[in-house]
N, C-alpha and C. Protein backbone atom coordinates (compact mmCIF):
# COMPACT_ATOMS: atom_id res chain seq x y z
N UNK A 1 67.75 58.36 119.53
CA UNK A 1 69.25 58.14 119.60
C UNK A 1 70.26 56.89 119.62
N UNK A 2 69.39 56.18 119.09
CA UNK A 2 69.95 54.92 119.32
C UNK A 2 70.75 54.89 117.72
N UNK A 3 70.34 55.29 116.37
CA UNK A 3 70.58 55.40 115.63
C UNK A 3 71.58 56.47 115.49
N UNK A 4 71.74 57.35 116.32
CA UNK A 4 73.04 58.39 116.32
C UNK A 4 74.27 57.84 116.85
N UNK A 5 73.93 57.33 118.02
CA UNK A 5 75.39 56.35 118.66
C UNK A 5 75.64 55.31 117.85
N UNK A 6 75.00 54.33 116.68
CA UNK A 6 75.16 53.99 115.88
C UNK A 6 76.62 54.06 115.02
N UNK A 7 76.24 55.63 114.90
CA UNK A 7 76.48 56.35 113.98
C UNK A 7 77.89 56.87 114.00
N UNK A 8 78.07 56.99 115.43
CA UNK A 8 79.16 57.41 115.88
C UNK A 8 79.83 56.27 115.99
N UNK A 9 79.49 54.99 116.44
CA UNK A 9 80.55 53.76 116.67
C UNK A 9 80.79 53.72 115.95
N UNK A 10 79.95 53.51 114.15
CA UNK A 10 80.58 53.27 112.55
C UNK A 10 81.83 54.54 112.24
N UNK A 11 82.19 55.55 112.88
CA UNK A 11 82.62 56.46 112.50
C UNK A 11 84.01 56.27 113.09
N UNK A 12 83.62 55.57 114.23
CA UNK A 12 84.81 55.14 115.34
C UNK A 12 85.71 54.07 114.55
N UNK A 13 85.13 53.17 114.32
CA UNK A 13 85.54 51.94 114.74
C UNK A 13 85.06 50.99 113.21
N UNK A 14 84.12 52.21 112.68
CA UNK A 14 84.13 50.97 111.28
C UNK A 14 84.65 51.07 109.77
N UNK A 15 85.65 51.35 110.04
CA UNK A 15 86.93 51.41 108.77
C UNK A 15 86.94 50.71 108.19
N UNK A 16 87.66 49.18 109.75
CA UNK A 16 87.80 47.97 108.90
C UNK A 16 87.06 47.41 108.68
N UNK A 17 85.72 47.38 108.98
CA UNK A 17 84.83 46.62 108.37
C UNK A 17 83.90 46.79 107.23
N UNK A 18 84.09 48.03 106.22
CA UNK A 18 83.95 48.86 105.40
C UNK A 18 85.26 48.58 103.85
N UNK A 19 86.14 48.39 104.57
CA UNK A 19 87.28 47.76 104.10
C UNK A 19 87.00 46.72 103.70
N UNK A 20 86.28 46.03 104.49
CA UNK A 20 86.19 44.70 104.25
C UNK A 20 85.33 44.26 102.90
N UNK A 21 84.36 44.70 103.56
CA UNK A 21 82.77 45.13 102.92
C UNK A 21 83.07 45.40 100.73
N UNK A 22 84.14 46.17 100.62
CA UNK A 22 84.75 46.99 99.64
C UNK A 22 85.29 46.21 98.61
N UNK A 23 86.50 45.27 99.81
CA UNK A 23 86.63 43.72 99.52
C UNK A 23 86.21 43.27 98.99
N UNK A 24 84.95 42.15 99.43
CA UNK A 24 83.84 40.73 98.84
C UNK A 24 83.21 42.13 97.67
N UNK A 25 82.91 43.16 97.37
CA UNK A 25 82.34 43.59 96.30
C UNK A 25 82.96 43.50 95.11
N UNK A 26 84.26 43.65 95.55
CA UNK A 26 85.27 43.80 94.15
C UNK A 26 85.60 42.58 94.04
N UNK A 27 85.57 41.45 94.55
CA UNK A 27 85.41 40.35 93.84
C UNK A 27 84.42 39.51 93.61
N UNK A 28 83.09 39.82 94.20
CA UNK A 28 81.85 39.55 93.61
C UNK A 28 81.81 40.15 92.14
N UNK A 29 82.34 41.36 91.97
CA UNK A 29 82.17 42.11 90.20
C UNK A 29 83.33 41.41 89.55
N UNK A 30 84.52 41.43 90.00
CA UNK A 30 85.50 40.45 89.40
C UNK A 30 84.59 39.09 88.84
N UNK A 31 84.37 38.25 89.45
CA UNK A 31 83.90 37.29 89.36
C UNK A 31 82.62 37.31 88.74
N UNK A 32 81.45 38.29 88.75
CA UNK A 32 80.38 37.64 87.47
C UNK A 32 80.78 39.04 86.29
N UNK A 33 81.48 39.73 86.38
CA UNK A 33 82.53 40.27 84.93
C UNK A 33 82.82 39.23 83.92
N UNK A 34 83.99 38.56 84.46
CA UNK A 34 84.34 37.15 84.17
C UNK A 34 83.63 36.28 83.47
N UNK A 35 82.52 35.84 84.31
CA UNK A 35 81.50 35.10 84.08
C UNK A 35 80.42 35.34 83.29
N UNK A 36 80.31 36.58 82.52
CA UNK A 36 78.85 36.80 81.74
C UNK A 36 80.63 36.89 80.37
N UNK A 37 81.77 37.12 80.61
CA UNK A 37 82.50 37.82 79.56
C UNK A 37 82.59 35.54 78.73
N UNK A 38 83.08 34.72 79.93
CA UNK A 38 83.11 33.18 79.30
C UNK A 38 81.59 33.06 79.11
N UNK A 39 80.75 33.77 79.11
CA UNK A 39 79.35 33.15 78.38
C UNK A 39 78.65 34.26 77.00
N UNK A 40 80.05 34.61 77.16
CA UNK A 40 79.87 35.14 75.48
C UNK A 40 78.98 36.20 75.32
N UNK A 41 79.22 37.41 76.87
CA UNK A 41 77.79 38.40 76.61
C UNK A 41 79.26 39.40 77.24
N UNK A 42 79.17 40.25 76.42
CA UNK A 42 79.88 41.70 76.49
C UNK A 42 79.31 42.48 77.58
N UNK A 43 80.50 43.25 78.28
CA UNK A 43 79.34 44.20 78.93
C UNK A 43 80.84 45.16 79.96
N UNK A 44 80.74 46.27 80.41
CA UNK A 44 81.69 47.07 81.17
C UNK A 44 81.85 46.76 82.24
N UNK A 45 82.89 46.69 82.56
CA UNK A 45 83.09 46.20 83.96
C UNK A 45 82.40 47.73 84.90
N UNK A 46 82.04 47.11 85.43
CA UNK A 46 80.84 48.20 86.54
C UNK A 46 82.26 48.93 87.82
N UNK A 47 82.18 50.19 87.57
CA UNK A 47 83.26 50.44 89.22
C UNK A 47 82.81 51.20 89.75
N UNK A 48 81.63 51.48 90.21
CA UNK A 48 80.80 51.78 91.49
C UNK A 48 79.00 51.78 91.87
N UNK A 49 78.89 50.42 91.30
CA UNK A 49 77.58 49.83 91.47
C UNK A 49 77.47 48.29 91.58
N UNK A 50 76.31 47.78 92.45
CA UNK A 50 76.20 46.17 92.31
C UNK A 50 75.87 46.18 91.53
N UNK A 51 75.35 46.34 90.30
CA UNK A 51 74.68 45.91 89.25
C UNK A 51 76.14 45.10 87.72
N UNK A 52 75.49 44.65 87.10
CA UNK A 52 76.45 45.61 85.62
C UNK A 52 75.32 44.41 84.74
N UNK A 53 75.74 45.37 83.14
CA UNK A 53 74.75 45.54 82.13
C UNK A 53 75.04 44.92 81.24
N UNK A 54 74.89 43.30 81.30
CA UNK A 54 75.51 42.53 79.84
C UNK A 54 74.98 43.06 78.27
N UNK A 55 75.46 42.96 77.16
CA UNK A 55 75.11 43.35 76.05
C UNK A 55 74.25 41.45 75.69
N UNK A 56 73.63 41.49 75.43
CA UNK A 56 72.54 40.34 74.97
C UNK A 56 72.06 40.31 73.77
N UNK A 57 72.25 41.16 72.57
CA UNK A 57 71.76 41.44 71.12
C UNK A 57 72.18 40.14 70.22
N UNK A 58 73.71 39.55 70.93
CA UNK A 58 73.93 38.57 70.24
C UNK A 58 73.53 37.38 70.52
N UNK A 59 72.39 37.18 71.31
CA UNK A 59 71.52 36.27 71.46
C UNK A 59 70.85 36.04 70.53
N UNK A 60 70.17 36.66 69.48
CA UNK A 60 69.37 37.23 69.19
C UNK A 60 67.53 37.54 69.54
N UNK A 61 67.74 37.78 71.45
CA UNK A 61 66.43 37.66 71.88
C UNK A 61 66.52 39.17 72.30
N UNK A 62 65.14 40.08 72.25
CA UNK A 62 65.00 41.18 73.02
C UNK A 62 65.42 41.11 74.54
N UNK A 63 65.52 42.28 75.53
CA UNK A 63 66.07 42.26 76.61
C UNK A 63 65.06 41.21 77.33
N UNK A 64 63.14 41.74 76.74
CA UNK A 64 62.60 41.17 78.22
C UNK A 64 62.08 39.33 77.42
N UNK A 65 62.59 39.27 76.22
CA UNK A 65 62.74 37.81 75.99
C UNK A 65 63.28 36.98 76.60
N UNK A 66 64.54 37.49 76.74
CA UNK A 66 65.69 36.98 77.48
C UNK A 66 65.46 36.69 78.60
N UNK A 67 64.93 37.66 79.11
CA UNK A 67 64.95 37.94 81.11
C UNK A 67 63.72 36.74 81.18
N UNK A 68 62.79 36.63 80.92
CA UNK A 68 61.51 35.78 80.18
C UNK A 68 62.10 34.06 80.71
N UNK A 69 62.98 34.30 78.96
CA UNK A 69 63.01 32.54 78.72
C UNK A 69 64.50 32.15 80.01
N UNK A 70 65.23 32.74 80.73
CA UNK A 70 66.00 32.50 81.00
C UNK A 70 65.72 32.23 83.26
N UNK A 71 64.58 33.27 83.26
CA UNK A 71 63.93 32.93 84.26
C UNK A 71 63.08 31.34 84.39
N UNK A 72 62.33 31.20 83.34
CA UNK A 72 61.73 30.06 82.86
C UNK A 72 62.37 28.94 83.03
N UNK A 73 63.38 29.17 82.19
CA UNK A 73 64.53 27.73 82.19
C UNK A 73 65.52 27.71 82.46
N UNK A 74 66.21 28.60 83.62
CA UNK A 74 66.81 28.22 84.29
C UNK A 74 66.86 28.91 85.61
N UNK A 75 65.75 29.43 86.15
CA UNK A 75 65.52 30.13 87.19
C UNK A 75 66.32 31.13 87.82
N UNK A 76 66.93 32.15 86.24
CA UNK A 76 67.88 33.11 87.18
C UNK A 76 67.00 34.67 86.54
N UNK A 77 66.93 35.35 87.65
CA UNK A 77 66.06 37.01 87.59
C UNK A 77 66.44 37.83 87.41
N UNK A 78 66.40 38.01 86.07
CA UNK A 78 67.06 39.31 85.35
C UNK A 78 66.34 40.49 84.93
N UNK A 79 67.16 41.38 85.21
CA UNK A 79 65.36 42.78 85.02
C UNK A 79 66.38 43.31 83.41
N UNK A 80 64.94 43.11 82.48
CA UNK A 80 65.01 43.57 81.02
C UNK A 80 65.55 44.95 81.21
N UNK A 81 66.61 45.29 80.46
CA UNK A 81 66.95 46.27 79.75
C UNK A 81 66.18 47.76 79.39
N UNK A 82 65.42 46.91 78.95
CA UNK A 82 64.19 48.17 78.21
C UNK A 82 63.52 48.96 79.32
N UNK A 83 63.34 48.16 80.77
CA UNK A 83 62.80 48.76 81.85
C UNK A 83 63.69 50.25 82.24
N UNK A 84 64.47 50.65 81.95
CA UNK A 84 65.26 51.29 82.29
C UNK A 84 65.51 52.49 81.05
N UNK A 85 64.79 52.44 80.04
CA UNK A 85 64.47 53.42 78.35
C UNK A 85 64.70 52.66 77.52
N UNK A 86 64.08 53.13 76.10
CA UNK A 86 65.19 52.89 75.01
C UNK A 86 65.99 51.86 74.93
N UNK A 87 66.95 52.98 75.70
CA UNK A 87 67.90 52.58 75.11
C UNK A 87 69.13 51.64 75.96
N UNK A 88 67.85 50.90 76.72
CA UNK A 88 68.46 49.84 77.30
C UNK A 88 67.88 48.92 76.75
N UNK A 89 67.14 48.38 75.68
CA UNK A 89 67.16 47.60 74.72
C UNK A 89 68.14 46.49 73.97
N UNK A 90 68.09 45.49 74.66
CA UNK A 90 69.73 44.77 74.00
C UNK A 90 70.58 44.39 75.33
N UNK A 91 70.20 44.94 76.21
CA UNK A 91 70.65 44.56 77.96
C UNK A 91 70.00 44.17 78.50
N UNK A 92 70.62 43.40 79.45
CA UNK A 92 69.48 43.21 80.95
C UNK A 92 70.72 43.43 81.97
N UNK A 93 69.80 43.67 83.27
CA UNK A 93 70.57 44.03 84.44
C UNK A 93 70.50 42.96 85.52
N UNK A 94 72.03 42.81 85.95
CA UNK A 94 72.23 41.90 87.06
C UNK A 94 72.83 42.29 88.27
N UNK A 95 72.54 41.91 89.49
CA UNK A 95 72.76 42.47 90.17
C UNK A 95 73.94 41.56 91.35
N UNK A 96 75.01 41.86 91.34
CA UNK A 96 75.99 41.02 92.46
C UNK A 96 75.43 41.50 93.76
N UNK A 97 74.73 42.00 94.18
CA UNK A 97 74.42 42.36 95.18
C UNK A 97 74.19 40.83 96.22
N UNK A 98 74.65 39.80 96.41
CA UNK A 98 74.19 39.07 96.88
C UNK A 98 75.71 37.76 97.14
N UNK A 99 75.51 36.91 97.64
CA UNK A 99 77.19 35.57 98.20
C UNK A 99 77.39 35.18 96.63
N UNK A 100 78.78 34.98 97.14
CA UNK A 100 79.51 34.75 95.56
C UNK A 100 78.90 33.25 95.32
N UNK A 101 78.65 32.07 96.26
CA UNK A 101 77.66 31.10 95.81
C UNK A 101 76.83 30.94 94.77
N UNK A 102 76.02 32.09 94.90
CA UNK A 102 75.07 32.52 94.65
C UNK A 102 75.31 33.45 92.99
N UNK A 103 76.27 34.43 92.95
CA UNK A 103 76.78 34.51 91.81
C UNK A 103 77.59 33.54 90.78
N UNK A 104 77.95 32.23 91.26
CA UNK A 104 78.74 31.60 90.82
C UNK A 104 77.45 30.54 90.02
N UNK A 105 76.81 30.37 90.77
CA UNK A 105 75.63 29.21 90.10
C UNK A 105 74.69 29.72 89.48
N UNK A 106 74.41 31.32 89.69
CA UNK A 106 74.01 31.80 88.55
C UNK A 106 74.40 31.92 87.27
N UNK A 107 76.13 32.37 87.47
CA UNK A 107 76.57 32.64 85.89
C UNK A 107 76.35 31.17 85.40
N UNK A 108 77.19 30.12 86.21
CA UNK A 108 76.57 28.81 85.27
C UNK A 108 75.42 28.28 84.46
N UNK A 109 74.43 29.02 85.09
CA UNK A 109 72.76 29.04 84.88
C UNK A 109 73.11 29.97 83.38
N UNK A 110 73.81 30.82 83.43
CA UNK A 110 73.38 31.53 82.61
C UNK A 110 74.47 31.45 81.67
N UNK A 111 75.38 31.15 81.26
CA UNK A 111 76.07 30.32 80.44
C UNK A 111 75.95 28.90 80.15
N UNK A 112 74.80 28.34 80.19
CA UNK A 112 73.90 27.15 80.22
C UNK A 112 72.82 27.84 79.00
N UNK A 113 71.91 28.13 79.16
CA UNK A 113 71.36 29.36 78.76
C UNK A 113 71.91 29.86 77.31
N UNK A 114 72.60 30.71 77.57
CA UNK A 114 73.15 31.24 76.16
C UNK A 114 73.60 30.30 75.77
N UNK A 115 74.47 28.89 75.85
CA UNK A 115 74.95 27.89 75.12
C UNK A 115 74.47 27.26 74.19
N UNK A 116 72.23 26.98 75.08
CA UNK A 116 71.43 26.59 74.21
C UNK A 116 70.67 26.98 73.17
N UNK A 117 71.18 28.55 73.30
CA UNK A 117 70.30 29.31 72.47
C UNK A 117 70.20 29.05 70.73
């Protein structure tokens, strides 16, 4: 019953909180998209997810090599695109379901990594 009461409360009063979170995720989406572009990684701007899938083929690394090397060298965790099937090779998946500060730090590390390849 507690979950039902919470759902009723959310339906009655939750719209302002929902709009705030949509605005926050929109800010994060723009931040990561722009930062990846600046780092030289082309990608489509996501419209309805918490993830972005940049193209890393310009680095000459496979998606697994890229994900492993950036984890070891820059301590940034990304998912290799081939984890999503053969068509994902040449991409990595980045989540932006975290704070603006963490996204900014990860982008700085990604840019550093890519610039030193």
